[in-house]
Amino acid sequence: MPPQLLVDIPSIDLSKIAIPIERVREVNRQRFEMEQLSGIIHVDYANQFAIGFKDCRDDEFWVRGHIPGRPLLPGVLMIEAAAQLCSFYFSTAAKDAGDRFIGFGGVTDVKFRGTVVPGDRLVIVAKCIELKSRRAIFATQGIVGDRLVYEGTIIGMPV
């Protein structure tokens, strides 16, 4: 049986961008090839989740070498995109975040359940499990269309 989605995706209008990349850049520090989040669709602080997205382009650095002739978004970049969404959530939700951001403390329970290719929009869900001044834990999922392609838990350490 496939895992249950972290949030009720059909209740969210995935075509509306609530936070464009320019605003994400005001909070997140990744740039150039390491910028893996394209924007944020929805943030719900009361229910402790955020939904972001990554538009996979055919001109990204990984396309040429990650399975030539049949490029696949590397799983580590799915995790990185989810971590960037978690970092945005932490930085905007934690009252004492200041100018700190989340650095990787660990990832657990990661499963890749499908492929992501250039032209796909990877919708990322981050559900906050724990948010403290010294640690944040998020359950995360990645969805393309109606397929769950990634899931995992991200542990972040404010830096």
N, C-alpha and C. Protein backbone atom coordinates (compact mmCIF):
# COMPACT_ATOMS: atom_id res chain seq x y z
N MET A 1 0.85 -1.18 0.00
CA MET A 1 0.00 0.00 0.00
C MET A 1 0.90 1.24 0.00
N PRO A 2 0.65 2.20 -0.91
CA PRO A 2 1.47 3.41 -0.95
C PRO A 2 1.25 4.26 0.30
N PRO A 3 2.27 5.00 0.70
CA PRO A 3 2.12 5.85 1.88
C PRO A 3 1.11 6.96 1.65
N GLN A 4 0.54 7.43 2.72
CA GLN A 4 -0.43 8.52 2.66
C GLN A 4 0.32 9.85 2.49
N LEU A 5 -0.27 10.77 1.74
CA LEU A 5 0.33 12.08 1.57
C LEU A 5 0.26 12.86 2.89
N LEU A 6 1.24 13.71 3.11
CA LEU A 6 1.35 14.47 4.35
C LEU A 6 0.25 15.52 4.48
N VAL A 7 -0.21 16.05 3.36
CA VAL A 7 -1.29 17.05 3.36
C VAL A 7 -2.29 16.69 2.27
N ASP A 8 -3.45 17.29 2.35
CA ASP A 8 -4.50 17.06 1.37
C ASP A 8 -4.20 17.89 0.11
N ILE A 9 -3.40 17.33 -0.77
CA ILE A 9 -2.95 18.04 -1.97
C ILE A 9 -4.11 18.53 -2.83
N PRO A 10 -5.17 17.72 -3.07
CA PRO A 10 -6.26 18.22 -3.92
C PRO A 10 -6.95 19.49 -3.38
N SER A 11 -6.80 19.78 -2.10
CA SER A 11 -7.43 20.99 -1.54
C SER A 11 -6.59 22.25 -1.78
N ILE A 12 -5.38 22.09 -2.32
CA ILE A 12 -4.47 23.22 -2.56
C ILE A 12 -4.43 23.50 -4.06
N ASP A 13 -4.53 24.77 -4.42
CA ASP A 13 -4.39 25.16 -5.82
C ASP A 13 -2.90 25.22 -6.16
N LEU A 14 -2.40 24.18 -6.82
CA LEU A 14 -0.98 24.06 -7.12
C LEU A 14 -0.53 25.01 -8.24
N SER A 15 -1.47 25.68 -8.89
CA SER A 15 -1.10 26.60 -9.97
C SER A 15 -0.77 28.00 -9.46
N LYS A 16 -1.10 28.29 -8.20
CA LYS A 16 -0.86 29.61 -7.64
C LYS A 16 0.46 29.62 -6.88
N ILE A 17 1.29 30.59 -7.17
CA ILE A 17 2.56 30.73 -6.47
C ILE A 17 2.38 31.80 -5.40
N ALA A 18 2.47 31.40 -4.14
CA ALA A 18 2.30 32.33 -3.03
C ALA A 18 3.57 33.13 -2.77
N ILE A 19 4.72 32.47 -2.95
CA ILE A 19 6.00 33.12 -2.66
C ILE A 19 6.92 32.87 -3.85
N PRO A 20 7.15 33.90 -4.65
CA PRO A 20 8.00 33.73 -5.85
C PRO A 20 9.48 33.59 -5.45
N ILE A 21 10.27 33.19 -6.41
CA ILE A 21 11.69 32.93 -6.17
C ILE A 21 12.41 34.15 -5.61
N GLU A 22 12.02 35.35 -5.99
CA GLU A 22 12.68 36.55 -5.48
C GLU A 22 12.54 36.64 -3.95
N ARG A 23 11.38 36.32 -3.45
CA ARG A 23 11.17 36.33 -1.98
C ARG A 23 11.90 35.17 -1.32
N VAL A 24 11.90 34.00 -1.97
CA VAL A 24 12.64 32.86 -1.42
C VAL A 24 14.11 33.24 -1.27
N ARG A 25 14.66 33.93 -2.25
CA ARG A 25 16.07 34.35 -2.21
C ARG A 25 16.37 35.32 -1.08
N GLU A 26 15.37 36.06 -0.61
CA GLU A 26 15.58 36.95 0.53
C GLU A 26 15.81 36.16 1.81
N VAL A 27 15.35 34.91 1.83
CA VAL A 27 15.45 34.07 3.03
C VAL A 27 16.52 33.00 2.87
N ASN A 28 16.50 32.28 1.76
CA ASN A 28 17.46 31.20 1.51
C ASN A 28 18.71 31.75 0.84
N ARG A 29 19.85 31.16 1.15
CA ARG A 29 21.12 31.68 0.65
C ARG A 29 21.66 30.93 -0.57
N GLN A 30 21.08 29.80 -0.94
CA GLN A 30 21.60 29.04 -2.08
C GLN A 30 21.41 29.85 -3.37
N ARG A 31 22.43 29.76 -4.23
CA ARG A 31 22.38 30.45 -5.51
C ARG A 31 22.96 29.57 -6.60
N PHE A 32 22.74 30.00 -7.83
CA PHE A 32 23.30 29.36 -9.02
C PHE A 32 22.90 27.88 -9.05
N GLU A 33 23.85 26.99 -9.25
CA GLU A 33 23.52 25.56 -9.39
C GLU A 33 22.90 24.96 -8.13
N MET A 34 23.17 25.54 -6.98
CA MET A 34 22.65 24.97 -5.74
C MET A 34 21.25 25.46 -5.37
N GLU A 35 20.71 26.39 -6.12
CA GLU A 35 19.35 26.86 -5.86
C GLU A 35 18.39 25.83 -6.46
N GLN A 36 17.77 25.02 -5.61
CA GLN A 36 16.94 23.92 -6.07
C GLN A 36 15.44 24.14 -5.87
N LEU A 37 15.07 25.24 -5.29
CA LEU A 37 13.66 25.55 -5.06
C LEU A 37 13.26 26.64 -6.04
N SER A 38 12.18 26.43 -6.80
CA SER A 38 11.74 27.41 -7.80
C SER A 38 10.72 28.40 -7.24
N GLY A 39 10.05 28.04 -6.16
CA GLY A 39 9.05 28.91 -5.56
C GLY A 39 8.27 28.14 -4.52
N ILE A 40 7.36 28.85 -3.86
CA ILE A 40 6.54 28.23 -2.81
C ILE A 40 5.07 28.47 -3.14
N ILE A 41 4.31 27.40 -3.08
CA ILE A 41 2.90 27.43 -3.44
C ILE A 41 2.02 27.79 -2.24
N HIS A 42 2.39 27.28 -1.07
CA HIS A 42 1.52 27.43 0.08
C HIS A 42 2.32 27.27 1.36
N VAL A 43 2.06 28.12 2.34
CA VAL A 43 2.64 27.95 3.68
C VAL A 43 1.49 28.06 4.66
N ASP A 44 1.40 27.10 5.56
CA ASP A 44 0.35 27.07 6.58
C ASP A 44 1.03 26.91 7.93
N TYR A 45 1.26 28.03 8.61
CA TYR A 45 1.97 27.99 9.89
C TYR A 45 1.10 27.35 10.98
N ALA A 46 -0.20 27.52 10.90
CA ALA A 46 -1.09 26.94 11.91
C ALA A 46 -1.03 25.41 11.88
N ASN A 47 -0.98 24.84 10.68
CA ASN A 47 -0.92 23.39 10.53
C ASN A 47 0.50 22.88 10.26
N GLN A 48 1.46 23.78 10.31
CA GLN A 48 2.89 23.48 10.25
C GLN A 48 3.34 22.73 8.99
N PHE A 49 2.97 23.27 7.84
CA PHE A 49 3.48 22.68 6.61
C PHE A 49 3.68 23.75 5.53
N ALA A 50 4.50 23.37 4.57
CA ALA A 50 4.73 24.23 3.41
C ALA A 50 4.76 23.35 2.16
N ILE A 51 4.37 23.94 1.06
CA ILE A 51 4.41 23.25 -0.23
C ILE A 51 5.19 24.14 -1.19
N GLY A 52 6.26 23.60 -1.72
CA GLY A 52 7.08 24.33 -2.68
C GLY A 52 7.17 23.54 -3.97
N PHE A 53 7.99 24.03 -4.90
CA PHE A 53 8.16 23.30 -6.15
C PHE A 53 9.52 23.57 -6.76
N LYS A 54 9.93 22.63 -7.57
CA LYS A 54 11.13 22.75 -8.40
C LYS A 54 10.72 22.41 -9.82
N ASP A 55 10.89 23.38 -10.71
CA ASP A 55 10.68 23.12 -12.13
C ASP A 55 11.98 22.59 -12.70
N CYS A 56 11.96 21.36 -13.19
CA CYS A 56 13.17 20.73 -13.72
C CYS A 56 13.34 21.13 -15.18
N ARG A 57 14.44 21.80 -15.45
CA ARG A 57 14.72 22.30 -16.80
C ARG A 57 15.73 21.41 -17.50
N ASP A 58 15.73 21.43 -18.81
CA ASP A 58 16.67 20.60 -19.56
C ASP A 58 18.06 21.22 -19.67
N ASP A 59 18.25 22.43 -19.13
CA ASP A 59 19.56 23.07 -19.18
C ASP A 59 20.28 23.07 -17.82
N GLU A 60 19.78 22.29 -16.86
CA GLU A 60 20.41 22.26 -15.55
C GLU A 60 21.70 21.43 -15.58
N PHE A 61 22.59 21.71 -14.63
CA PHE A 61 23.93 21.13 -14.65
C PHE A 61 23.95 19.61 -14.61
N TRP A 62 22.97 18.98 -14.04
CA TRP A 62 22.98 17.52 -13.88
C TRP A 62 22.49 16.78 -15.11
N VAL A 63 21.81 17.47 -16.01
CA VAL A 63 21.14 16.81 -17.14
C VAL A 63 22.15 16.11 -18.06
N ARG A 64 23.23 16.77 -18.39
CA ARG A 64 24.19 16.24 -19.35
C ARG A 64 24.81 14.93 -18.86
N GLY A 65 25.11 14.83 -17.58
CA GLY A 65 25.85 13.67 -17.11
C GLY A 65 25.09 12.65 -16.30
N HIS A 66 23.88 12.98 -15.84
CA HIS A 66 23.16 12.02 -15.02
C HIS A 66 22.22 11.20 -15.90
N ILE A 67 22.75 10.16 -16.44
CA ILE A 67 22.12 9.22 -17.37
C ILE A 67 21.98 9.88 -18.75
N PRO A 68 23.11 10.03 -19.45
CA PRO A 68 23.05 10.63 -20.79
C PRO A 68 22.03 9.93 -21.69
N GLY A 69 21.25 10.74 -22.37
CA GLY A 69 20.21 10.21 -23.24
C GLY A 69 18.89 9.98 -22.53
N ARG A 70 18.92 9.90 -21.21
CA ARG A 70 17.70 9.74 -20.41
C ARG A 70 17.93 10.36 -19.03
N PRO A 71 18.04 11.69 -18.98
CA PRO A 71 18.39 12.35 -17.72
C PRO A 71 17.32 12.19 -16.65
N LEU A 72 17.80 11.94 -15.43
CA LEU A 72 16.94 11.81 -14.26
C LEU A 72 17.43 12.77 -13.19
N LEU A 73 16.53 13.47 -12.53
CA LEU A 73 16.92 14.33 -11.42
C LEU A 73 17.52 13.46 -10.33
N PRO A 74 18.76 13.72 -9.93
CA PRO A 74 19.37 12.90 -8.88
C PRO A 74 18.59 12.99 -7.58
N GLY A 75 18.48 11.87 -6.90
CA GLY A 75 17.77 11.82 -5.64
C GLY A 75 18.31 12.80 -4.62
N VAL A 76 19.61 12.98 -4.61
CA VAL A 76 20.21 13.91 -3.65
C VAL A 76 19.72 15.33 -3.90
N LEU A 77 19.38 15.67 -5.14
CA LEU A 77 18.84 17.00 -5.43
C LEU A 77 17.38 17.11 -5.02
N MET A 78 16.65 16.00 -5.04
CA MET A 78 15.29 16.02 -4.48
C MET A 78 15.36 16.33 -2.99
N ILE A 79 16.30 15.67 -2.31
CA ILE A 79 16.47 15.91 -0.87
C ILE A 79 16.89 17.36 -0.63
N GLU A 80 17.80 17.88 -1.45
CA GLU A 80 18.26 19.26 -1.31
C GLU A 80 17.10 20.24 -1.52
N ALA A 81 16.27 20.02 -2.52
CA ALA A 81 15.12 20.90 -2.76
C ALA A 81 14.18 20.89 -1.55
N ALA A 82 13.94 19.70 -1.00
CA ALA A 82 13.09 19.59 0.20
C ALA A 82 13.75 20.31 1.37
N ALA A 83 15.06 20.17 1.53
CA ALA A 83 15.77 20.83 2.63
C ALA A 83 15.67 22.35 2.50
N GLN A 84 15.73 22.85 1.28
CA GLN A 84 15.61 24.30 1.09
C GLN A 84 14.21 24.79 1.45
N LEU A 85 13.19 23.99 1.19
CA LEU A 85 11.84 24.34 1.62
C LEU A 85 11.76 24.33 3.15
N CYS A 86 12.36 23.33 3.78
CA CYS A 86 12.38 23.26 5.24
C CYS A 86 13.10 24.46 5.84
N SER A 87 14.20 24.85 5.22
CA SER A 87 14.97 25.99 5.70
C SER A 87 14.16 27.28 5.60
N PHE A 88 13.44 27.46 4.50
CA PHE A 88 12.57 28.63 4.36
C PHE A 88 11.52 28.63 5.47
N TYR A 89 10.89 27.48 5.69
CA TYR A 89 9.86 27.39 6.73
C TYR A 89 10.45 27.75 8.09
N PHE A 90 11.59 27.14 8.42
CA PHE A 90 12.24 27.42 9.71
C PHE A 90 12.52 28.91 9.86
N SER A 91 13.12 29.50 8.86
CA SER A 91 13.54 30.90 8.94
C SER A 91 12.37 31.86 9.07
N THR A 92 11.22 31.48 8.56
CA THR A 92 10.06 32.36 8.63
C THR A 92 9.11 32.01 9.77
N ALA A 93 9.25 30.81 10.35
CA ALA A 93 8.34 30.39 11.41
C ALA A 93 8.94 30.50 12.81
N ALA A 94 10.22 30.23 12.94
CA ALA A 94 10.86 30.25 14.26
C ALA A 94 11.05 31.69 14.72
N LYS A 95 10.52 32.00 15.89
CA LYS A 95 10.58 33.36 16.39
C LYS A 95 12.01 33.82 16.66
N ASP A 96 12.88 32.89 17.00
CA ASP A 96 14.26 33.24 17.34
C ASP A 96 15.26 32.87 16.24
N ALA A 97 14.78 32.70 15.01
CA ALA A 97 15.66 32.28 13.92
C ALA A 97 16.70 33.33 13.57
N GLY A 98 16.33 34.60 13.67
CA GLY A 98 17.27 35.65 13.30
C GLY A 98 17.73 35.47 11.87
N ASP A 99 19.04 35.53 11.64
CA ASP A 99 19.56 35.32 10.29
C ASP A 99 20.10 33.91 10.09
N ARG A 100 19.75 33.00 11.01
CA ARG A 100 20.20 31.62 10.89
C ARG A 100 19.37 30.87 9.84
N PHE A 101 19.96 29.83 9.33
CA PHE A 101 19.26 28.96 8.40
C PHE A 101 19.52 27.52 8.83
N ILE A 102 18.83 26.60 8.20
CA ILE A 102 18.97 25.19 8.57
C ILE A 102 20.09 24.56 7.74
N GLY A 103 21.01 23.95 8.44
CA GLY A 103 22.02 23.12 7.79
C GLY A 103 21.63 21.67 8.02
N PHE A 104 22.13 20.78 7.18
CA PHE A 104 21.78 19.37 7.34
C PHE A 104 22.31 18.82 8.65
N GLY A 105 21.42 18.19 9.39
CA GLY A 105 21.81 17.44 10.57
C GLY A 105 21.68 15.95 10.28
N GLY A 106 20.87 15.62 9.29
CA GLY A 106 20.70 14.23 8.89
C GLY A 106 19.45 14.05 8.04
N VAL A 107 19.39 12.92 7.41
CA VAL A 107 18.20 12.50 6.68
C VAL A 107 17.97 11.03 7.02
N THR A 108 16.71 10.67 7.19
CA THR A 108 16.37 9.29 7.51
C THR A 108 15.16 8.86 6.70
N ASP A 109 14.97 7.56 6.65
CA ASP A 109 13.78 6.96 6.05
C ASP A 109 13.51 7.44 4.62
N VAL A 110 14.57 7.67 3.86
CA VAL A 110 14.43 8.17 2.49
C VAL A 110 14.09 7.01 1.55
N LYS A 111 13.10 7.25 0.71
CA LYS A 111 12.72 6.29 -0.33
C LYS A 111 12.45 7.06 -1.61
N PHE A 112 12.97 6.53 -2.70
CA PHE A 112 12.67 7.10 -4.01
C PHE A 112 11.71 6.15 -4.69
N ARG A 113 10.57 6.67 -5.10
CA ARG A 113 9.48 5.84 -5.61
C ARG A 113 9.16 6.09 -7.08
N GLY A 114 9.88 7.02 -7.70
CA GLY A 114 9.63 7.33 -9.10
C GLY A 114 10.70 8.26 -9.62
N THR A 115 10.63 8.54 -10.91
CA THR A 115 11.63 9.39 -11.54
C THR A 115 11.09 10.80 -11.76
N VAL A 116 12.04 11.73 -11.83
CA VAL A 116 11.75 13.12 -12.15
C VAL A 116 12.68 13.47 -13.31
N VAL A 117 12.10 14.01 -14.38
CA VAL A 117 12.87 14.29 -15.60
C VAL A 117 12.68 15.76 -15.99
N PRO A 118 13.57 16.27 -16.85
CA PRO A 118 13.38 17.64 -17.33
C PRO A 118 11.97 17.82 -17.90
N GLY A 119 11.37 18.95 -17.56
CA GLY A 119 9.99 19.24 -17.95
C GLY A 119 9.00 18.98 -16.84
N ASP A 120 9.41 18.20 -15.83
CA ASP A 120 8.52 17.90 -14.70
C ASP A 120 8.54 19.04 -13.68
N ARG A 121 7.43 19.21 -13.00
CA ARG A 121 7.37 20.05 -11.81
C ARG A 121 7.32 19.11 -10.61
N LEU A 122 8.35 19.18 -9.80
CA LEU A 122 8.41 18.41 -8.56
C LEU A 122 7.77 19.26 -7.47
N VAL A 123 6.63 18.83 -6.98
CA VAL A 123 5.94 19.51 -5.88
C VAL A 123 6.47 18.89 -4.59
N ILE A 124 6.91 19.74 -3.68
CA ILE A 124 7.55 19.29 -2.45
C ILE A 124 6.69 19.70 -1.26
N VAL A 125 6.46 18.75 -0.37
CA VAL A 125 5.70 19.00 0.85
C VAL A 125 6.65 18.82 2.03
N ALA A 126 6.63 19.78 2.94
CA ALA A 126 7.41 19.69 4.17
C ALA A 126 6.46 19.90 5.34
N LYS A 127 6.34 18.89 6.18
CA LYS A 127 5.48 18.95 7.37
C LYS A 127 6.38 19.01 8.59
N CYS A 128 6.27 20.07 9.35
CA CYS A 128 7.12 20.26 10.52
C CYS A 128 6.69 19.29 11.64
N ILE A 129 7.64 18.50 12.10
CA ILE A 129 7.40 17.56 13.19
C ILE A 129 7.88 18.17 14.50
N GLU A 130 9.01 18.85 14.45
CA GLU A 130 9.60 19.47 15.64
C GLU A 130 10.32 20.74 15.21
N LEU A 131 10.11 21.82 15.95
CA LEU A 131 10.76 23.09 15.64
C LEU A 131 11.26 23.69 16.94
N LYS A 132 12.56 23.54 17.17
CA LYS A 132 13.19 24.08 18.37
C LYS A 132 14.34 24.96 17.93
N SER A 133 14.90 25.70 18.87
CA SER A 133 15.99 26.61 18.52
C SER A 133 17.24 25.88 18.07
N ARG A 134 17.42 24.62 18.49
CA ARG A 134 18.64 23.89 18.14
C ARG A 134 18.43 22.74 17.17
N ARG A 135 17.15 22.45 16.83
CA ARG A 135 16.89 21.35 15.91
C ARG A 135 15.50 21.49 15.31
N ALA A 136 15.40 21.09 14.06
CA ALA A 136 14.10 21.07 13.39
C ALA A 136 14.00 19.74 12.64
N ILE A 137 12.83 19.13 12.69
CA ILE A 137 12.60 17.87 12.00
C ILE A 137 11.37 18.03 11.12
N PHE A 138 11.51 17.59 9.86
CA PHE A 138 10.43 17.69 8.89
C PHE A 138 10.23 16.36 8.18
N ALA A 139 8.98 15.95 8.04
CA ALA A 139 8.63 14.87 7.13
C ALA A 139 8.47 15.53 5.77
N THR A 140 9.06 14.95 4.73
CA THR A 140 9.00 15.56 3.41
C THR A 140 8.57 14.54 2.37
N GLN A 141 7.94 15.04 1.32
CA GLN A 141 7.53 14.21 0.18
C GLN A 141 7.68 15.02 -1.10
N GLY A 142 7.93 14.31 -2.19
CA GLY A 142 7.98 14.91 -3.51
C GLY A 142 6.97 14.23 -4.41
N ILE A 143 6.24 15.03 -5.17
CA ILE A 143 5.15 14.53 -6.00
C ILE A 143 5.30 15.10 -7.40
N VAL A 144 5.13 14.26 -8.40
CA VAL A 144 5.07 14.71 -9.80
C VAL A 144 3.72 14.23 -10.32
N GLY A 145 2.88 15.19 -10.74
CA GLY A 145 1.53 14.82 -11.18
C GLY A 145 0.78 14.21 -10.01
N ASP A 146 0.37 12.97 -10.15
CA ASP A 146 -0.31 12.28 -9.05
C ASP A 146 0.56 11.15 -8.47
N ARG A 147 1.87 11.19 -8.77
CA ARG A 147 2.78 10.14 -8.30
C ARG A 147 3.68 10.64 -7.17
N LEU A 148 3.74 9.89 -6.10
CA LEU A 148 4.70 10.15 -5.04
C LEU A 148 6.05 9.61 -5.52
N VAL A 149 7.06 10.48 -5.63
CA VAL A 149 8.34 10.06 -6.18
C VAL A 149 9.45 10.04 -5.13
N TYR A 150 9.21 10.67 -3.99
CA TYR A 150 10.24 10.77 -2.96
C TYR A 150 9.57 10.97 -1.61
N GLU A 151 10.20 10.42 -0.56
CA GLU A 151 9.79 10.73 0.81
C GLU A 151 10.99 10.56 1.72
N GLY A 152 10.99 11.29 2.79
CA GLY A 152 12.09 11.18 3.75
C GLY A 152 11.92 12.19 4.87
N THR A 153 12.68 11.96 5.93
CA THR A 153 12.69 12.86 7.07
C THR A 153 13.98 13.65 7.05
N ILE A 154 13.87 14.95 7.18
CA ILE A 154 15.03 15.84 7.19
C ILE A 154 15.19 16.41 8.59
N ILE A 155 16.40 16.26 9.11
CA ILE A 155 16.75 16.82 10.40
C ILE A 155 17.67 18.00 10.13
N GLY A 156 17.27 19.15 10.61
CA GLY A 156 18.06 20.36 10.37
C GLY A 156 18.61 20.92 11.66
N MET A 157 19.80 21.47 11.53
CA MET A 157 20.45 22.14 12.65
C MET A 157 20.62 23.60 12.27
N PRO A 158 20.02 24.52 13.02
CA PRO A 158 20.20 25.93 12.71
C PRO A 158 21.68 26.32 12.77
N VAL A 159 22.12 27.06 11.77
CA VAL A 159 23.52 27.46 11.66
C VAL A 159 23.60 28.98 11.72
